[in-house]
Amino acid sequence: MSSKLTKALEFANYRKTLNVQHNNLKAKVQTLLNYSINGGTFQIDQILISFVKSLLDQDHTKAVLLDIYNNPIEVELKEFLEEITSRYFEATNEYHAEYQKLRKSRKVHKLIDLDIDD
């Protein structure tokens, strides 16, 4: 097999592995950004955080929010905001750290965390 073909195959394998690892990481983060409370499940994102903060700024203490299944769920806003904000930052910080590791990995065995010397 020619050297160019070998390098092309190695690169294709690297890109495919990188893509799989990145998709796995995104799925993990999406799971971390799900929060269940009072029988409802919420997808934590910047919009939810902003909306809850806005309600608190308007001096609401409780509110009925629609979860991901459009079920009405009553929550205590202060505790809810603290929890979703904390989970959001934990998940995004973990995502950032793991993403940086992926970006720095230039070999397939590093992408899948094998301890093989270069």
PDB file of N, CA and C in Angstrom:
ATOM      1  N   MET A   1       0.847  -1.169   0.000  1.00  0.00           N
ATOM      2  CA  MET A   1       0.000   0.000   0.000  1.00  0.00           C
ATOM      3  C   MET A   1       0.897   1.238   0.000  1.00  0.00           C
ATOM      4  N   SER A   2       0.530   2.218  -0.793  1.00  0.00           N
ATOM      5  CA  SER A   2       1.365   3.404  -0.889  1.00  0.00           C
ATOM      6  C   SER A   2       1.281   4.238   0.390  1.00  0.00           C
ATOM      7  N   SER A   3       2.311   5.031   0.573  1.00  0.00           N
ATOM      8  CA  SER A   3       2.396   5.881   1.761  1.00  0.00           C
ATOM      9  C   SER A   3       1.244   6.883   1.803  1.00  0.00           C
ATOM     10  N   LYS A   4       0.880   7.454   0.656  1.00  0.00           N
ATOM     11  CA  LYS A   4      -0.210   8.426   0.619  1.00  0.00           C
ATOM     12  C   LYS A   4      -1.541   7.779   0.988  1.00  0.00           C
ATOM     13  N   LEU A   5      -1.764   6.573   0.490  1.00  0.00           N
ATOM     14  CA  LEU A   5      -2.999   5.867   0.798  1.00  0.00           C
ATOM     15  C   LEU A   5      -3.059   5.505   2.282  1.00  0.00           C
ATOM     16  N   THR A   6      -1.948   5.071   2.827  1.00  0.00           N
ATOM     17  CA  THR A   6      -1.883   4.737   4.251  1.00  0.00           C
ATOM     18  C   THR A   6      -2.190   5.965   5.102  1.00  0.00           C
ATOM     19  N   LYS A   7      -1.581   7.097   4.752  1.00  0.00           N
ATOM     20  CA  LYS A   7      -1.832   8.332   5.504  1.00  0.00           C
ATOM     21  C   LYS A   7      -3.285   8.778   5.370  1.00  0.00           C
ATOM     22  N   ALA A   8      -3.857   8.615   4.181  1.00  0.00           N
ATOM     23  CA  ALA A   8      -5.252   8.992   3.963  1.00  0.00           C
ATOM     24  C   ALA A   8      -6.178   8.127   4.810  1.00  0.00           C
ATOM     25  N   LEU A   9      -5.899   6.832   4.856  1.00  0.00           N
ATOM     26  CA  LEU A   9      -6.713   5.928   5.669  1.00  0.00           C
ATOM     27  C   LEU A   9      -6.567   6.232   7.161  1.00  0.00           C
ATOM     28  N   GLU A  10      -5.356   6.521   7.594  1.00  0.00           N
ATOM     29  CA  GLU A  10      -5.134   6.880   8.996  1.00  0.00           C
ATOM     30  C   GLU A  10      -5.895   8.154   9.351  1.00  0.00           C
ATOM     31  N   PHE A  11      -5.856   9.130   8.448  1.00  0.00           N
ATOM     32  CA  PHE A  11      -6.558  10.389   8.704  1.00  0.00           C
ATOM     33  C   PHE A  11      -8.067  10.165   8.723  1.00  0.00           C
ATOM     34  N   ALA A  12      -8.581   9.368   7.793  1.00  0.00           N
ATOM     35  CA  ALA A  12     -10.010   9.081   7.765  1.00  0.00           C
ATOM     36  C   ALA A  12     -10.438   8.377   9.049  1.00  0.00           C
ATOM     37  N   ASN A  13      -9.628   7.436   9.515  1.00  0.00           N
ATOM     38  CA  ASN A  13      -9.914   6.738  10.763  1.00  0.00           C
ATOM     39  C   ASN A  13      -9.886   7.714  11.940  1.00  0.00           C
ATOM     40  N   TYR A  14      -8.918   8.601  11.947  1.00  0.00           N
ATOM     41  CA  TYR A  14      -8.818   9.622  12.998  1.00  0.00           C
ATOM     42  C   TYR A  14     -10.065  10.496  13.013  1.00  0.00           C
ATOM     43  N   ARG A  15     -10.477  11.004  11.844  1.00  0.00           N
ATOM     44  CA  ARG A  15     -11.634  11.901  11.756  1.00  0.00           C
ATOM     45  C   ARG A  15     -12.915  11.186  12.198  1.00  0.00           C
ATOM     46  N   LYS A  16     -13.057   9.938  11.790  1.00  0.00           N
ATOM     47  CA  LYS A  16     -14.243   9.183  12.181  1.00  0.00           C
ATOM     48  C   LYS A  16     -14.268   8.970  13.690  1.00  0.00           C
ATOM     49  N   THR A  17     -13.146   8.586  14.265  1.00  0.00           N
ATOM     50  CA  THR A  17     -13.055   8.381  15.709  1.00  0.00           C
ATOM     51  C   THR A  17     -13.301   9.686  16.454  1.00  0.00           C
ATOM     52  N   LEU A  18     -12.727  10.775  15.951  1.00  0.00           N
ATOM     53  CA  LEU A  18     -12.933  12.094  16.566  1.00  0.00           C
ATOM     54  C   LEU A  18     -14.415  12.456  16.553  1.00  0.00           C
ATOM     55  N   ASN A  19     -15.068  12.229  15.439  1.00  0.00           N
ATOM     56  CA  ASN A  19     -16.488  12.545  15.320  1.00  0.00           C
ATOM     57  C   ASN A  19     -17.327  11.705  16.282  1.00  0.00           C
ATOM     58  N   VAL A  20     -17.029  10.419  16.396  1.00  0.00           N
ATOM     59  CA  VAL A  20     -17.756   9.546  17.319  1.00  0.00           C
ATOM     60  C   VAL A  20     -17.550  10.007  18.761  1.00  0.00           C
ATOM     61  N   GLN A  21     -16.307  10.304  19.112  1.00  0.00           N
ATOM     62  CA  GLN A  21     -16.014  10.754  20.477  1.00  0.00           C
ATOM     63  C   GLN A  21     -16.713  12.080  20.786  1.00  0.00           C
ATOM     64  N   HIS A  22     -16.732  12.985  19.821  1.00  0.00           N
ATOM     65  CA  HIS A  22     -17.382  14.282  20.020  1.00  0.00           C
ATOM     66  C   HIS A  22     -18.889  14.096  20.188  1.00  0.00           C
ATOM     67  N   ASN A  23     -19.493  13.239  19.382  1.00  0.00           N
ATOM     68  CA  ASN A  23     -20.928  12.974  19.516  1.00  0.00           C
ATOM     69  C   ASN A  23     -21.244  12.318  20.854  1.00  0.00           C
ATOM     70  N   ASN A  24     -20.387  11.421  21.319  1.00  0.00           N
ATOM     71  CA  ASN A  24     -20.571  10.805  22.639  1.00  0.00           C
ATOM     72  C   ASN A  24     -20.500  11.847  23.743  1.00  0.00           C
ATOM     73  N   LEU A  25     -19.578  12.771  23.605  1.00  0.00           N
ATOM     74  CA  LEU A  25     -19.421  13.840  24.593  1.00  0.00           C
ATOM     75  C   LEU A  25     -20.653  14.740  24.611  1.00  0.00           C
ATOM     76  N   LYS A  26     -21.158  15.091  23.432  1.00  0.00           N
ATOM     77  CA  LYS A  26     -22.362  15.926  23.368  1.00  0.00           C
ATOM     78  C   LYS A  26     -23.554  15.213  24.003  1.00  0.00           C
ATOM     79  N   ALA A  27     -23.692  13.920  23.758  1.00  0.00           N
ATOM     80  CA  ALA A  27     -24.794  13.157  24.350  1.00  0.00           C
ATOM     81  C   ALA A  27     -24.673  13.120  25.874  1.00  0.00           C
ATOM     82  N   LYS A  28     -23.452  12.965  26.356  1.00  0.00           N
ATOM     83  CA  LYS A  28     -23.223  12.953  27.812  1.00  0.00           C
ATOM     84  C   LYS A  28     -23.629  14.289  28.425  1.00  0.00           C
ATOM     85  N   VAL A  29     -23.255  15.377  27.770  1.00  0.00           N
ATOM     86  CA  VAL A  29     -23.582  16.708  28.288  1.00  0.00           C
ATOM     87  C   VAL A  29     -25.090  16.927  28.251  1.00  0.00           C
ATOM     88  N   GLN A  30     -25.752  16.490  27.190  1.00  0.00           N
ATOM     89  CA  GLN A  30     -27.202  16.636  27.114  1.00  0.00           C
ATOM     90  C   GLN A  30     -27.877  15.894  28.261  1.00  0.00           C
ATOM     91  N   THR A  31     -27.357  14.738  28.613  1.00  0.00           N
ATOM     92  CA  THR A  31     -27.899  13.979  29.739  1.00  0.00           C
ATOM     93  C   THR A  31     -27.684  14.740  31.046  1.00  0.00           C
ATOM     94  N   LEU A  32     -26.503  15.326  31.206  1.00  0.00           N
ATOM     95  CA  LEU A  32     -26.222  16.099  32.419  1.00  0.00           C
ATOM     96  C   LEU A  32     -27.107  17.343  32.528  1.00  0.00           C
ATOM     97  N   LEU A  33     -27.578  17.834  31.384  1.00  0.00           N
ATOM     98  CA  LEU A  33     -28.405  19.038  31.381  1.00  0.00           C
ATOM     99  C   LEU A  33     -29.898  18.740  31.526  1.00  0.00           C
ATOM    100  N   ASN A  34     -30.260  17.509  31.790  1.00  0.00           N
ATOM    101  CA  ASN A  34     -31.644  17.166  32.125  1.00  0.00           C
ATOM    102  C   ASN A  34     -31.795  17.222  33.630  1.00  0.00           C
ATOM    103  N   TYR A  35     -32.878  17.836  34.092  1.00  0.00           N
ATOM    104  CA  TYR A  35     -33.106  17.967  35.524  1.00  0.00           C
ATOM    105  C   TYR A  35     -34.560  17.611  35.822  1.00  0.00           C
ATOM    106  N   SER A  36     -34.744  16.668  36.716  1.00  0.00           N
ATOM    107  CA  SER A  36     -36.092  16.230  37.092  1.00  0.00           C
ATOM    108  C   SER A  36     -36.434  16.750  38.478  1.00  0.00           C
ATOM    109  N   ILE A  37     -37.648  17.285  38.575  1.00  0.00           N
ATOM    110  CA  ILE A  37     -38.136  17.814  39.845  1.00  0.00           C
ATOM    111  C   ILE A  37     -39.662  17.763  39.834  1.00  0.00           C
ATOM    112  N   ASN A  38     -40.246  17.406  40.952  1.00  0.00           N
ATOM    113  CA  ASN A  38     -41.704  17.392  41.126  1.00  0.00           C
ATOM    114  C   ASN A  38     -42.434  16.628  40.020  1.00  0.00           C
ATOM    115  N   GLY A  39     -41.835  15.573  39.528  1.00  0.00           N
ATOM    116  CA  GLY A  39     -42.472  14.766  38.498  1.00  0.00           C
ATOM    117  C   GLY A  39     -42.284  15.274  37.081  1.00  0.00           C
ATOM    118  N   GLY A  40     -41.508  16.329  36.915  1.00  0.00           N
ATOM    119  CA  GLY A  40     -41.266  16.880  35.582  1.00  0.00           C
ATOM    120  C   GLY A  40     -39.791  16.813  35.241  1.00  0.00           C
ATOM    121  N   THR A  41     -39.501  16.879  33.964  1.00  0.00           N
ATOM    122  CA  THR A  41     -38.120  16.878  33.504  1.00  0.00           C
ATOM    123  C   THR A  41     -37.885  18.130  32.668  1.00  0.00           C
ATOM    124  N   PHE A  42     -36.827  18.851  32.995  1.00  0.00           N
ATOM    125  CA  PHE A  42     -36.495  20.093  32.301  1.00  0.00           C
ATOM    126  C   PHE A  42     -35.155  19.952  31.605  1.00  0.00           C
ATOM    127  N   GLN A  43     -35.062  20.538  30.425  1.00  0.00           N
ATOM    128  CA  GLN A  43     -33.787  20.624  29.701  1.00  0.00           C
ATOM    129  C   GLN A  43     -33.180  21.966  30.086  1.00  0.00           C
ATOM    130  N   ILE A  44     -32.067  21.922  30.785  1.00  0.00           N
ATOM    131  CA  ILE A  44     -31.422  23.148  31.252  1.00  0.00           C
ATOM    132  C   ILE A  44     -30.699  23.808  30.092  1.00  0.00           C
ATOM    133  N   ASP A  45     -31.029  25.060  29.861  1.00  0.00           N
ATOM    134  CA  ASP A  45     -30.328  25.860  28.861  1.00  0.00           C
ATOM    135  C   ASP A  45     -30.354  27.317  29.301  1.00  0.00           C
ATOM    136  N   GLN A  46     -29.728  28.158  28.534  1.00  0.00           N
ATOM    137  CA  GLN A  46     -29.634  29.573  28.889  1.00  0.00           C
ATOM    138  C   GLN A  46     -31.002  30.243  28.907  1.00  0.00           C
ATOM    139  N   ILE A  47     -31.903  29.796  28.061  1.00  0.00           N
ATOM    140  CA  ILE A  47     -33.241  30.378  28.007  1.00  0.00           C
ATOM    141  C   ILE A  47     -34.007  30.079  29.286  1.00  0.00           C
ATOM    142  N   LEU A  48     -33.963  28.839  29.753  1.00  0.00           N
ATOM    143  CA  LEU A  48     -34.647  28.474  30.992  1.00  0.00           C
ATOM    144  C   LEU A  48     -34.073  29.258  32.170  1.00  0.00           C
ATOM    145  N   ILE A  49     -32.761  29.341  32.236  1.00  0.00           N
ATOM    146  CA  ILE A  49     -32.116  30.076  33.327  1.00  0.00           C
ATOM    147  C   ILE A  49     -32.551  31.542  33.304  1.00  0.00           C
ATOM    148  N   SER A  50     -32.542  32.146  32.142  1.00  0.00           N
ATOM    149  CA  SER A  50     -32.943  33.554  32.017  1.00  0.00           C
ATOM    150  C   SER A  50     -34.403  33.760  32.381  1.00  0.00           C
ATOM    151  N   PHE A  51     -35.265  32.860  31.944  1.00  0.00           N
ATOM    152  CA  PHE A  51     -36.688  32.976  32.238  1.00  0.00           C
ATOM    153  C   PHE A  51     -36.947  32.885  33.737  1.00  0.00           C
ATOM    154  N   VAL A  52     -36.336  31.908  34.389  1.00  0.00           N
ATOM    155  CA  VAL A  52     -36.529  31.754  35.833  1.00  0.00           C
ATOM    156  C   VAL A  52     -35.972  32.965  36.570  1.00  0.00           C
ATOM    157  N   LYS A  53     -34.820  33.470  36.137  1.00  0.00           N
ATOM    158  CA  LYS A  53     -34.245  34.667  36.751  1.00  0.00           C
ATOM    159  C   LYS A  53     -35.170  35.871  36.576  1.00  0.00           C
ATOM    160  N   SER A  54     -35.779  35.970  35.406  1.00  0.00           N
ATOM    161  CA  SER A  54     -36.719  37.056  35.142  1.00  0.00           C
ATOM    162  C   SER A  54     -37.929  36.982  36.074  1.00  0.00           C
ATOM    163  N   LEU A  55     -38.437  35.779  36.289  1.00  0.00           N
ATOM    164  CA  LEU A  55     -39.564  35.620  37.209  1.00  0.00           C
ATOM    165  C   LEU A  55     -39.177  36.008  38.630  1.00  0.00           C
ATOM    166  N   LEU A  56     -37.976  35.617  39.032  1.00  0.00           N
ATOM    167  CA  LEU A  56     -37.497  36.006  40.369  1.00  0.00           C
ATOM    168  C   LEU A  56     -37.336  37.520  40.488  1.00  0.00           C
ATOM    169  N   ASP A  57     -36.846  38.150  39.432  1.00  0.00           N
ATOM    170  CA  ASP A  57     -36.689  39.609  39.441  1.00  0.00           C
ATOM    171  C   ASP A  57     -38.027  40.327  39.557  1.00  0.00           C
ATOM    172  N   GLN A  58     -39.098  39.639  39.151  1.00  0.00           N
ATOM    173  CA  GLN A  58     -40.445  40.200  39.263  1.00  0.00           C
ATOM    174  C   GLN A  58     -41.104  39.807  40.584  1.00  0.00           C
ATOM    175  N   ASP A  59     -40.298  39.312  41.510  1.00  0.00           N
ATOM    176  CA  ASP A  59     -40.718  38.959  42.865  1.00  0.00           C
ATOM    177  C   ASP A  59     -41.670  37.762  42.945  1.00  0.00           C
ATOM    178  N   HIS A  60     -41.625  36.879  41.971  1.00  0.00           N
ATOM    179  CA  HIS A  60     -42.373  35.621  42.065  1.00  0.00           C
ATOM    180  C   HIS A  60     -41.544  34.652  42.908  1.00  0.00           C
ATOM    181  N   THR A  61     -42.218  33.874  43.719  1.00  0.00           N
ATOM    182  CA  THR A  61     -41.500  32.866  44.510  1.00  0.00           C
ATOM    183  C   THR A  61     -41.759  31.458  43.981  1.00  0.00           C
ATOM    184  N   LYS A  62     -42.948  31.239  43.420  1.00  0.00           N
ATOM    185  CA  LYS A  62     -43.315  29.967  42.807  1.00  0.00           C
ATOM    186  C   LYS A  62     -43.839  30.249  41.406  1.00  0.00           C
ATOM    187  N   ALA A  63     -43.735  29.235  40.577  1.00  0.00           N
ATOM    188  CA  ALA A  63     -44.297  29.355  39.235  1.00  0.00           C
ATOM    189  C   ALA A  63     -44.590  27.970  38.692  1.00  0.00           C
ATOM    190  N   VAL A  64     -45.509  27.921  37.773  1.00  0.00           N
ATOM    191  CA  VAL A  64     -45.802  26.681  37.054  1.00  0.00           C
ATOM    192  C   VAL A  64     -45.091  26.792  35.709  1.00  0.00           C
ATOM    193  N   LEU A  65     -44.169  25.875  35.482  1.00  0.00           N
ATOM    194  CA  LEU A  65     -43.393  25.862  34.241  1.00  0.00           C
ATOM    195  C   LEU A  65     -43.742  24.602  33.450  1.00  0.00           C
ATOM    196  N   LEU A  66     -43.629  24.695  32.147  1.00  0.00           N
ATOM    197  CA  LEU A  66     -43.863  23.528  31.301  1.00  0.00           C
ATOM    198  C   LEU A  66     -42.548  22.778  31.130  1.00  0.00           C
ATOM    199  N   ASP A  67     -42.568  21.481  31.423  1.00  0.00           N
ATOM    200  CA  ASP A  67     -41.361  20.670  31.265  1.00  0.00           C
ATOM    201  C   ASP A  67     -41.205  20.253  29.803  1.00  0.00           C
ATOM    202  N   ILE A  68     -40.262  19.362  29.530  1.00  0.00           N
ATOM    203  CA  ILE A  68     -39.986  18.989  28.140  1.00  0.00           C
ATOM    204  C   ILE A  68     -41.142  18.232  27.493  1.00  0.00           C
ATOM    205  N   TYR A  69     -42.056  17.708  28.298  1.00  0.00           N
ATOM    206  CA  TYR A  69     -43.227  17.004  27.778  1.00  0.00           C
ATOM    207  C   TYR A  69     -44.474  17.885  27.821  1.00  0.00           C
ATOM    208  N   ASN A  70     -44.279  19.186  28.066  1.00  0.00           N
ATOM    209  CA  ASN A  70     -45.365  20.173  28.186  1.00  0.00           C
ATOM    210  C   ASN A  70     -46.308  19.879  29.347  1.00  0.00           C
ATOM    211  N   ASN A  71     -45.782  19.248  30.382  1.00  0.00           N
ATOM    212  CA  ASN A  71     -46.548  19.039  31.607  1.00  0.00           C
ATOM    213  C   ASN A  71     -46.341  20.250  32.511  1.00  0.00           C
ATOM    214  N   PRO A  72     -47.411  20.749  33.134  1.00  0.00           N
ATOM    215  CA  PRO A  72     -47.252  21.891  34.049  1.00  0.00           C
ATOM    216  C   PRO A  72     -46.672  21.413  35.387  1.00  0.00           C
ATOM    217  N   ILE A  73     -45.551  21.987  35.767  1.00  0.00           N
ATOM    218  CA  ILE A  73     -44.857  21.591  36.993  1.00  0.00           C
ATOM    219  C   ILE A  73     -44.641  22.845  37.846  1.00  0.00           C
ATOM    220  N   GLU A  74     -45.102  22.788  39.092  1.00  0.00           N
ATOM    221  CA  GLU A  74     -44.898  23.918  39.992  1.00  0.00           C
ATOM    222  C   GLU A  74     -43.532  23.788  40.667  1.00  0.00           C
ATOM    223  N   VAL A  75     -42.775  24.879  40.680  1.00  0.00           N
ATOM    224  CA  VAL A  75     -41.453  24.877  41.289  1.00  0.00           C
ATOM    225  C   VAL A  75     -41.266  26.101  42.167  1.00  0.00           C
ATOM    226  N   GLU A  76     -40.420  25.938  43.164  1.00  0.00           N
ATOM    227  CA  GLU A  76     -39.945  27.059  43.976  1.00  0.00           C
ATOM    228  C   GLU A  76     -38.817  27.701  43.178  1.00  0.00           C
ATOM    229  N   LEU A  77     -38.986  28.920  42.762  1.00  0.00           N
ATOM    230  CA  LEU A  77     -38.073  29.513  41.787  1.00  0.00           C
ATOM    231  C   LEU A  77     -36.640  29.688  42.283  1.00  0.00           C
ATOM    232  N   LYS A  78     -36.452  30.119  43.512  1.00  0.00           N
ATOM    233  CA  LYS A  78     -35.097  30.378  44.000  1.00  0.00           C
ATOM    234  C   LYS A  78     -34.265  29.101  44.013  1.00  0.00           C
ATOM    235  N   GLU A  79     -34.802  28.039  44.596  1.00  0.00           N
ATOM    236  CA  GLU A  79     -34.082  26.769  44.659  1.00  0.00           C
ATOM    237  C   GLU A  79     -33.891  26.176  43.260  1.00  0.00           C
ATOM    238  N   PHE A  80     -34.922  26.318  42.433  1.00  0.00           N
ATOM    239  CA  PHE A  80     -34.862  25.804  41.071  1.00  0.00           C
ATOM    240  C   PHE A  80     -33.749  26.506  40.289  1.00  0.00           C
ATOM    241  N   LEU A  81     -33.694  27.823  40.404  1.00  0.00           N
ATOM    242  CA  LEU A  81     -32.654  28.580  39.697  1.00  0.00           C
ATOM    243  C   LEU A  81     -31.262  28.198  40.186  1.00  0.00           C
ATOM    244  N   GLU A  82     -31.094  28.064  41.484  1.00  0.00           N
ATOM    245  CA  GLU A  82     -29.790  27.673  42.025  1.00  0.00           C
ATOM    246  C   GLU A  82     -29.354  26.315  41.477  1.00  0.00           C
ATOM    247  N   GLU A  83     -30.276  25.374  41.440  1.00  0.00           N
ATOM    248  CA  GLU A  83     -29.948  24.026  40.986  1.00  0.00           C
ATOM    249  C   GLU A  83     -29.641  23.988  39.492  1.00  0.00           C
ATOM    250  N   ILE A  84     -30.476  24.635  38.682  1.00  0.00           N
ATOM    251  CA  ILE A  84     -30.239  24.558  37.234  1.00  0.00           C
ATOM    252  C   ILE A  84     -28.992  25.339  36.835  1.00  0.00           C
ATOM    253  N   THR A  85     -28.715  26.427  37.529  1.00  0.00           N
ATOM    254  CA  THR A  85     -27.507  27.191  37.226  1.00  0.00           C
ATOM    255  C   THR A  85     -26.266  26.387  37.597  1.00  0.00           C
ATOM    256  N   SER A  86     -26.301  25.760  38.752  1.00  0.00           N
ATOM    257  CA  SER A  86     -25.184  24.937  39.189  1.00  0.00           C
ATOM    258  C   SER A  86     -24.946  23.789  38.213  1.00  0.00           C
ATOM    259  N   ARG A  87     -26.008  23.095  37.844  1.00  0.00           N
ATOM    260  CA  ARG A  87     -25.872  21.970  36.911  1.00  0.00           C
ATOM    261  C   ARG A  87     -25.394  22.435  35.541  1.00  0.00           C
ATOM    262  N   TYR A  88     -25.876  23.590  35.108  1.00  0.00           N
ATOM    263  CA  TYR A  88     -25.461  24.117  33.807  1.00  0.00           C
ATOM    264  C   TYR A  88     -23.952  24.352  33.780  1.00  0.00           C
ATOM    265  N   PHE A  89     -23.440  25.020  34.811  1.00  0.00           N
ATOM    266  CA  PHE A  89     -22.012  25.315  34.834  1.00  0.00           C
ATOM    267  C   PHE A  89     -21.162  24.067  35.027  1.00  0.00           C
ATOM    268  N   GLU A  90     -21.623  23.131  35.828  1.00  0.00           N
ATOM    269  CA  GLU A  90     -20.891  21.869  35.978  1.00  0.00           C
ATOM    270  C   GLU A  90     -20.802  21.135  34.644  1.00  0.00           C
ATOM    271  N   ALA A  91     -21.919  21.045  33.942  1.00  0.00           N
ATOM    272  CA  ALA A  91     -21.953  20.323  32.662  1.00  0.00           C
ATOM    273  C   ALA A  91     -21.123  21.027  31.597  1.00  0.00           C
ATOM    274  N   THR A  92     -21.253  22.349  31.497  1.00  0.00           N
ATOM    275  CA  THR A  92     -20.505  23.059  30.454  1.00  0.00           C
ATOM    276  C   THR A  92     -19.006  23.100  30.766  1.00  0.00           C
ATOM    277  N   ASN A  93     -18.639  23.173  32.029  1.00  0.00           N
ATOM    278  CA  ASN A  93     -17.217  23.132  32.370  1.00  0.00           C
ATOM    279  C   ASN A  93     -16.623  21.758  32.057  1.00  0.00           C
ATOM    280  N   GLU A  94     -17.380  20.696  32.355  1.00  0.00           N
ATOM    281  CA  GLU A  94     -16.908  19.359  32.021  1.00  0.00           C
ATOM    282  C   GLU A  94     -16.808  19.191  30.503  1.00  0.00           C
ATOM    283  N   TYR A  95     -17.803  19.697  29.794  1.00  0.00           N
ATOM    284  CA  TYR A  95     -17.802  19.640  28.333  1.00  0.00           C
ATOM    285  C   TYR A  95     -16.568  20.353  27.776  1.00  0.00           C
ATOM    286  N   HIS A  96     -16.282  21.521  28.299  1.00  0.00           N
ATOM    287  CA  HIS A  96     -15.132  22.289  27.839  1.00  0.00           C
ATOM    288  C   HIS A  96     -13.831  21.529  28.078  1.00  0.00           C
ATOM    289  N   ALA A  97     -13.671  20.984  29.267  1.00  0.00           N
ATOM    290  CA  ALA A  97     -12.445  20.255  29.595  1.00  0.00           C
ATOM    291  C   ALA A  97     -12.265  19.039  28.693  1.00  0.00           C
ATOM    292  N   GLU A  98     -13.322  18.263  28.516  1.00  0.00           N
ATOM    293  CA  GLU A  98     -13.236  17.075  27.668  1.00  0.00           C
ATOM    294  C   GLU A  98     -13.057  17.445  26.196  1.00  0.00           C
ATOM    295  N   TYR A  99     -13.687  18.516  25.764  1.00  0.00           N
ATOM    296  CA  TYR A  99     -13.551  18.971  24.376  1.00  0.00           C
ATOM    297  C   TYR A  99     -12.114  19.401  24.098  1.00  0.00           C
ATOM    298  N   GLN A 100     -11.501  20.073  25.048  1.00  0.00           N
ATOM    299  CA  GLN A 100     -10.107  20.485  24.880  1.00  0.00           C
ATOM    300  C   GLN A 100      -9.195  19.270  24.753  1.00  0.00           C
ATOM    301  N   LYS A 101      -9.477  18.227  25.532  1.00  0.00           N
ATOM    302  CA  LYS A 101      -8.688  16.996  25.407  1.00  0.00           C
ATOM    303  C   LYS A 101      -8.825  16.404  24.006  1.00  0.00           C
ATOM    304  N   LEU A 102     -10.051  16.396  23.483  1.00  0.00           N
ATOM    305  CA  LEU A 102     -10.270  15.869  22.132  1.00  0.00           C
ATOM    306  C   LEU A 102      -9.518  16.695  21.092  1.00  0.00           C
ATOM    307  N   ARG A 103      -9.573  18.005  21.235  1.00  0.00           N
ATOM    308  CA  ARG A 103      -8.909  18.884  20.270  1.00  0.00           C
ATOM    309  C   ARG A 103      -7.404  18.678  20.257  1.00  0.00           C
ATOM    310  N   LYS A 104      -6.837  18.353  21.404  1.00  0.00           N
ATOM    311  CA  LYS A 104      -5.388  18.188  21.501  1.00  0.00           C
ATOM    312  C   LYS A 104      -4.921  16.801  21.079  1.00  0.00           C
ATOM    313  N   SER A 105      -5.845  15.870  20.973  1.00  0.00           N
ATOM    314  CA  SER A 105      -5.490  14.496  20.597  1.00  0.00           C
ATOM    315  C   SER A 105      -5.309  14.412  19.091  1.00  0.00           C
ATOM    316  N   ARG A 106      -4.129  14.010  18.684  1.00  0.00           N
ATOM    317  CA  ARG A 106      -3.824  13.938  17.252  1.00  0.00           C
ATOM    318  C   ARG A 106      -3.662  12.510  16.752  1.00  0.00           C
ATOM    319  N   LYS A 107      -3.847  11.550  17.630  1.00  0.00           N
ATOM    320  CA  LYS A 107      -3.743  10.137  17.260  1.00  0.00           C
ATOM    321  C   LYS A 107      -5.005   9.424  17.737  1.00  0.00           C
ATOM    322  N   VAL A 108      -5.424   8.413  17.005  1.00  0.00           N
ATOM    323  CA  VAL A 108      -6.640   7.674  17.343  1.00  0.00           C
ATOM    324  C   VAL A 108      -6.550   7.086  18.740  1.00  0.00           C
ATOM    325  N   HIS A 109      -5.394   6.504  19.099  1.00  0.00           N
ATOM    326  CA  HIS A 109      -5.286   5.879  20.421  1.00  0.00           C
ATOM    327  C   HIS A 109      -5.413   6.905  21.538  1.00  0.00           C
ATOM    328  N   LYS A 110      -5.057   8.162  21.285  1.00  0.00           N
ATOM    329  CA  LYS A 110      -5.250   9.200  22.301  1.00  0.00           C
ATOM    330  C   LYS A 110      -6.721   9.589  22.404  1.00  0.00           C
ATOM    331  N   LEU A 111      -7.424   9.542  21.295  1.00  0.00           N
ATOM    332  CA  LEU A 111      -8.847   9.868  21.317  1.00  0.00           C
ATOM    333  C   LEU A 111      -9.645   8.883  22.151  1.00  0.00           C
ATOM    334  N   ILE A 112      -9.223   7.631  22.126  1.00  0.00           N
ATOM    335  CA  ILE A 112      -9.978   6.615  22.866  1.00  0.00           C
ATOM    336  C   ILE A 112      -9.292   6.240  24.176  1.00  0.00           C
ATOM    337  N   ASP A 113      -8.345   7.095  24.595  1.00  0.00           N
ATOM    338  CA  ASP A 113      -7.692   6.986  25.901  1.00  0.00           C
ATOM    339  C   ASP A 113      -6.924   5.682  26.098  1.00  0.00           C
ATOM    340  N   LEU A 114      -6.246   5.201  25.075  1.00  0.00           N
ATOM    341  CA  LEU A 114      -5.369   4.059  25.239  1.00  0.00           C
ATOM    342  C   LEU A 114      -3.982   4.549  25.626  1.00  0.00           C
ATOM    343  N   ASP A 115      -3.301   3.830  26.454  1.00  0.00           N
ATOM    344  CA  ASP A 115      -1.963   4.216  26.879  1.00  0.00           C
ATOM    345  C   ASP A 115      -0.923   3.543  26.000  1.00  0.00           C
ATOM    346  N   ILE A 116      -0.843   3.996  24.771  1.00  0.00           N
ATOM    347  CA  ILE A 116       0.128   3.475  23.827  1.00  0.00           C
ATOM    348  C   ILE A 116       1.128   4.578  23.548  1.00  0.00           C
ATOM    349  N   ASP A 117       2.425   4.265  23.626  1.00  0.00           N
ATOM    350  CA  ASP A 117       3.441   5.273  23.371  1.00  0.00           C
ATOM    351  C   ASP A 117       3.470   5.628  21.895  1.00  0.00           C
ATOM    352  N   ASP A 118       3.759   6.914  21.620  1.00  0.00           N
ATOM    353  CA  ASP A 118       3.827   7.369  20.224  1.00  0.00           C
ATOM    354  C   ASP A 118       4.918   6.711  19.525  1.00  0.00           C
TER     355      ASP A 118
END
